[in-house]
PDB file of N, CA and C in Angstrom:
ATOM      1  N   VAL A   1      -8.732  -5.201  -0.372  1.00  0.00           N
ATOM      2  CA  VAL A   1      -7.812  -5.966  -1.193  1.00  0.00           C
ATOM      3  C   VAL A   1      -6.440  -5.287  -1.223  1.00  0.00           C
ATOM      4  N   LEU A   2      -6.414  -3.978  -1.358  1.00  0.00           N
ATOM      5  CA  LEU A   2      -5.137  -3.264  -1.423  1.00  0.00           C
ATOM      6  C   LEU A   2      -4.418  -3.247  -0.086  1.00  0.00           C
ATOM      7  N   ALA A   3      -5.158  -3.396   1.000  1.00  0.00           N
ATOM      8  CA  ALA A   3      -4.551  -3.327   2.333  1.00  0.00           C
ATOM      9  C   ALA A   3      -3.542  -4.448   2.553  1.00  0.00           C
ATOM     10  N   ARG A   4      -3.642  -5.529   1.813  1.00  0.00           N
ATOM     11  CA  ARG A   4      -2.682  -6.623   2.016  1.00  0.00           C
ATOM     12  C   ARG A   4      -1.293  -6.279   1.465  1.00  0.00           C
ATOM     13  N   PHE A   5      -1.192  -5.208   0.690  1.00  0.00           N
ATOM     14  CA  PHE A   5       0.101  -4.754   0.182  1.00  0.00           C
ATOM     15  C   PHE A   5       0.713  -3.675   1.064  1.00  0.00           C
ATOM     16  N   LEU A   6       0.079  -3.403   2.202  1.00  0.00           N
ATOM     17  CA  LEU A   6       0.592  -2.424   3.156  1.00  0.00           C
ATOM     18  C   LEU A   6       1.123  -3.146   4.385  1.00  0.00           C
ATOM     19  N   ASN A   7       2.178  -2.597   4.984  1.00  0.00           N
ATOM     20  CA  ASN A   7       2.683  -3.180   6.223  1.00  0.00           C
ATOM     21  C   ASN A   7       1.862  -2.624   7.386  1.00  0.00           C
ATOM     22  N   PRO A   8       2.083  -3.104   8.610  1.00  0.00           N
ATOM     23  CA  PRO A   8       1.267  -2.648   9.747  1.00  0.00           C
ATOM     24  C   PRO A   8       1.316  -1.141  10.000  1.00  0.00           C
ATOM     25  N   ILE A   9       2.376  -0.477   9.578  1.00  0.00           N
ATOM     26  CA  ILE A   9       2.493   0.965   9.772  1.00  0.00           C
ATOM     27  C   ILE A   9       1.688   1.722   8.720  1.00  0.00           C
ATOM     28  N   GLY A  10       1.423   1.090   7.587  1.00  0.00           N
ATOM     29  CA  GLY A  10       0.681   1.736   6.512  1.00  0.00           C
ATOM     30  C   GLY A  10       1.525   2.042   5.297  1.00  0.00           C
ATOM     31  N   LYS A  11       2.794   1.639   5.330  1.00  0.00           N
ATOM     32  CA  LYS A  11       3.663   1.858   4.174  1.00  0.00           C
ATOM     33  C   LYS A  11       3.447   0.744   3.151  1.00  0.00           C
ATOM     34  N   ILE A  12       3.732   1.050   1.900  1.00  0.00           N
ATOM     35  CA  ILE A  12       3.585   0.081   0.820  1.00  0.00           C
ATOM     36  C   ILE A  12       4.754  -0.899   0.884  1.00  0.00           C
ATOM     37  N   ASP A  13       4.430  -2.205   0.871  1.00  0.00           N
ATOM     38  CA  ASP A  13       5.471  -3.229   0.895  1.00  0.00           C
ATOM     39  C   ASP A  13       6.244  -3.243  -0.417  1.00  0.00           C
ATOM     40  N   ALA A  14       7.502  -3.644  -0.338  1.00  0.00           N
ATOM     41  CA  ALA A  14       8.356  -3.733  -1.517  1.00  0.00           C
ATOM     42  C   ALA A  14       7.926  -4.908  -2.393  1.00  0.00           C
ATOM     43  N   ALA A  15       8.310  -4.851  -3.656  1.00  0.00           N
ATOM     44  CA  ALA A  15       7.962  -5.911  -4.601  1.00  0.00           C
ATOM     45  C   ALA A  15       8.585  -7.239  -4.185  1.00  0.00           C
ATOM     46  N   ARG A  16       9.760  -7.181  -3.582  1.00  0.00           N
ATOM     47  CA  ARG A  16      10.401  -8.413  -3.103  1.00  0.00           C
ATOM     48  C   ARG A  16       9.523  -9.129  -2.086  1.00  0.00           C
ATOM     49  N   ARG A  17       8.860  -8.355  -1.269  1.00  0.00           N
ATOM     50  CA  ARG A  17       8.032  -8.927  -0.208  1.00  0.00           C
ATOM     51  C   ARG A  17       6.678  -9.407  -0.735  1.00  0.00           C
ATOM     52  N   THR A  18       6.114  -8.689  -1.690  1.00  0.00           N
ATOM     53  CA  THR A  18       4.801  -9.046  -2.214  1.00  0.00           C
ATOM     54  C   THR A  18       4.883 -10.082  -3.327  1.00  0.00           C
ATOM     55  N   GLY A  19       6.047 -10.186  -3.956  1.00  0.00           N
ATOM     56  CA  GLY A  19       6.205 -11.135  -5.049  1.00  0.00           C
ATOM     57  C   GLY A  19       5.679 -10.611  -6.374  1.00  0.00           C
ATOM     58  N   ALA A  20       5.426  -9.324  -6.451  1.00  0.00           N
ATOM     59  CA  ALA A  20       4.894  -8.724  -7.674  1.00  0.00           C
ATOM     60  C   ALA A  20       6.036  -8.366  -8.625  1.00  0.00           C
ATOM     61  N   SER A  21       5.731  -8.393  -9.906  1.00  0.00           N
ATOM     62  CA  SER A  21       6.711  -7.955 -10.894  1.00  0.00           C
ATOM     63  C   SER A  21       6.797  -6.434 -10.860  1.00  0.00           C
ATOM     64  N   ARG A  22       7.741  -5.883 -11.594  1.00  0.00           N
ATOM     65  CA  ARG A  22       7.918  -4.426 -11.613  1.00  0.00           C
ATOM     66  C   ARG A  22       6.660  -3.720 -12.123  1.00  0.00           C
ATOM     67  N   LYS A  23       6.068  -4.260 -13.178  1.00  0.00           N
ATOM     68  CA  LYS A  23       4.863  -3.661 -13.748  1.00  0.00           C
ATOM     69  C   LYS A  23       3.681  -3.786 -12.782  1.00  0.00           C
ATOM     70  N   GLN A  24       3.539  -4.958 -12.165  1.00  0.00           N
ATOM     71  CA  GLN A  24       2.461  -5.159 -11.203  1.00  0.00           C
ATOM     72  C   GLN A  24       2.631  -4.244  -9.994  1.00  0.00           C
ATOM     73  N   GLN A  25       3.875  -4.106  -9.514  1.00  0.00           N
ATOM     74  CA  GLN A  25       4.138  -3.256  -8.356  1.00  0.00           C
ATOM     75  C   GLN A  25       3.789  -1.798  -8.668  1.00  0.00           C
ATOM     76  N   ALA A  26       4.096  -1.356  -9.872  1.00  0.00           N
ATOM     77  CA  ALA A  26       3.770   0.016 -10.261  1.00  0.00           C
ATOM     78  C   ALA A  26       2.257   0.232 -10.247  1.00  0.00           C
ATOM     79  N   ARG A  27       1.507  -0.757 -10.707  1.00  0.00           N
ATOM     80  CA  ARG A  27       0.045  -0.650 -10.693  1.00  0.00           C
ATOM     81  C   ARG A  27      -0.497  -0.679  -9.266  1.00  0.00           C
ATOM     82  N   ILE A  28       0.107  -1.503  -8.414  1.00  0.00           N
ATOM     83  CA  ILE A  28      -0.303  -1.569  -7.008  1.00  0.00           C
ATOM     84  C   ILE A  28      -0.081  -0.225  -6.340  1.00  0.00           C
ATOM     85  N   VAL A  29       1.104   0.353  -6.545  1.00  0.00           N
ATOM     86  CA  VAL A  29       1.438   1.647  -5.941  1.00  0.00           C
ATOM     87  C   VAL A  29       0.469   2.717  -6.435  1.00  0.00           C
ATOM     88  N   GLN A  30       0.193   2.725  -7.717  1.00  0.00           N
ATOM     89  CA  GLN A  30      -0.726   3.714  -8.289  1.00  0.00           C
ATOM     90  C   GLN A  30      -2.125   3.559  -7.686  1.00  0.00           C
ATOM     91  N   ALA A  31      -2.589   2.321  -7.545  1.00  0.00           N
ATOM     92  CA  ALA A  31      -3.925   2.079  -6.993  1.00  0.00           C
ATOM     93  C   ALA A  31      -3.998   2.478  -5.522  1.00  0.00           C
ATOM     94  N   ILE A  32      -2.943   2.196  -4.758  1.00  0.00           N
ATOM     95  CA  ILE A  32      -2.924   2.565  -3.341  1.00  0.00           C
ATOM     96  C   ILE A  32      -2.919   4.081  -3.191  1.00  0.00           C
ATOM     97  N   LYS A  33      -2.114   4.761  -3.992  1.00  0.00           N
ATOM     98  CA  LYS A  33      -2.069   6.225  -3.915  1.00  0.00           C
ATOM     99  C   LYS A  33      -3.413   6.835  -4.298  1.00  0.00           C
ATOM    100  N   ARG A  34      -4.070   6.266  -5.287  1.00  0.00           N
ATOM    101  CA  ARG A  34      -5.390   6.753  -5.687  1.00  0.00           C
ATOM    102  C   ARG A  34      -6.402   6.523  -4.560  1.00  0.00           C
ATOM    103  N   ALA A  35      -6.350   5.348  -3.935  1.00  0.00           N
ATOM    104  CA  ALA A  35      -7.273   5.040  -2.841  1.00  0.00           C
ATOM    105  C   ALA A  35      -7.032   5.958  -1.649  1.00  0.00           C
ATOM    106  N   ARG A  36      -5.777   6.281  -1.380  1.00  0.00           N
ATOM    107  CA  ARG A  36      -5.469   7.213  -0.290  1.00  0.00           C
ATOM    108  C   ARG A  36      -6.034   8.598  -0.604  1.00  0.00           C
ATOM    109  N   PHE A  37      -5.875   9.044  -1.831  1.00  0.00           N
ATOM    110  CA  PHE A  37      -6.378  10.354  -2.239  1.00  0.00           C
ATOM    111  C   PHE A  37      -7.901  10.427  -2.103  1.00  0.00           C
ATOM    112  N   LEU A  38      -8.576   9.332  -2.430  1.00  0.00           N
ATOM    113  CA  LEU A  38     -10.034   9.285  -2.343  1.00  0.00           C
ATOM    114  C   LEU A  38     -10.531   9.053  -0.919  1.00  0.00           C
ATOM    115  N   GLY A  39      -9.614   8.805   0.008  1.00  0.00           N
ATOM    116  CA  GLY A  39      -9.994   8.599   1.400  1.00  0.00           C
ATOM    117  C   GLY A  39     -10.400   7.182   1.729  1.00  0.00           C
ATOM    118  N   LEU A  40     -10.097   6.238   0.847  1.00  0.00           N
ATOM    119  CA  LEU A  40     -10.457   4.843   1.090  1.00  0.00           C
ATOM    120  C   LEU A  40      -9.418   4.114   1.932  1.00  0.00           C
ATOM    121  N   LEU A  41      -8.184   4.589   1.895  1.00  0.00           N
ATOM    122  CA  LEU A  41      -7.099   4.029   2.700  1.00  0.00           C
ATOM    123  C   LEU A  41      -6.421   5.168   3.450  1.00  0.00           C
ATOM    124  N   PRO A  42      -5.940   4.889   4.656  1.00  0.00           N
ATOM    125  CA  PRO A  42      -5.231   5.945   5.398  1.00  0.00           C
ATOM    126  C   PRO A  42      -3.822   6.150   4.848  1.00  0.00           C
ATOM    127  N   TYR A  43      -3.298   7.360   5.016  1.00  0.00           N
ATOM    128  CA  TYR A  43      -1.919   7.632   4.608  1.00  0.00           C
ATOM    129  C   TYR A  43      -0.944   6.975   5.569  1.00  0.00           C
ATOM    130  N   ALA A  44      -1.279   6.975   6.840  1.00  0.00           N
ATOM    131  CA  ALA A  44      -0.453   6.346   7.867  1.00  0.00           C
ATOM    132  C   ALA A  44      -1.379   5.854   8.968  1.00  0.00           C
ATOM    133  N   ILE A  45      -0.913   4.855   9.682  1.00  0.00           N
ATOM    134  CA  ILE A  45      -1.701   4.296  10.771  1.00  0.00           C
ATOM    135  C   ILE A  45      -1.071   4.740  12.078  1.00  0.00           C
ATOM    136  N   ASN A  46      -1.814   5.490  12.867  1.00  0.00           N
ATOM    137  CA  ASN A  46      -1.335   5.942  14.169  1.00  0.00           C
ATOM    138  C   ASN A  46      -1.709   4.906  15.217  1.00  0.00           C
ATOM    139  N   ASP A  47      -0.749   4.088  15.593  1.00  0.00           N
ATOM    140  CA  ASP A  47      -0.996   3.062  16.603  1.00  0.00           C
ATOM    141  C   ASP A  47      -0.003   3.244  17.740  1.00  0.00           C
ATOM    142  N   THR A  48       0.016   4.422  18.329  1.00  0.00           N
ATOM    143  CA  THR A  48       0.928   4.690  19.433  1.00  0.00           C
ATOM    144  C   THR A  48       0.257   4.303  20.734  1.00  0.00           C
ATOM    145  N   ARG A  49       0.971   3.541  21.500  1.00  0.00           N
ATOM    146  CA  ARG A  49       0.400   3.061  22.770  1.00  0.00           C
ATOM    147  C   ARG A  49       1.155   3.596  23.927  1.00  0.00           C
TER     148      ARG A  49
END
């Protein structure tokens, strides 16, 4: 579910792009950072070809 707020590189999309309010965006960022710390999401996606 959180992966839809990440761009293809693995960075967190801006609130303008996701349509989230400031409060919602802060919660999204916090949840993504927590998931990264727990190893559920990657910090960056290495897709070098």
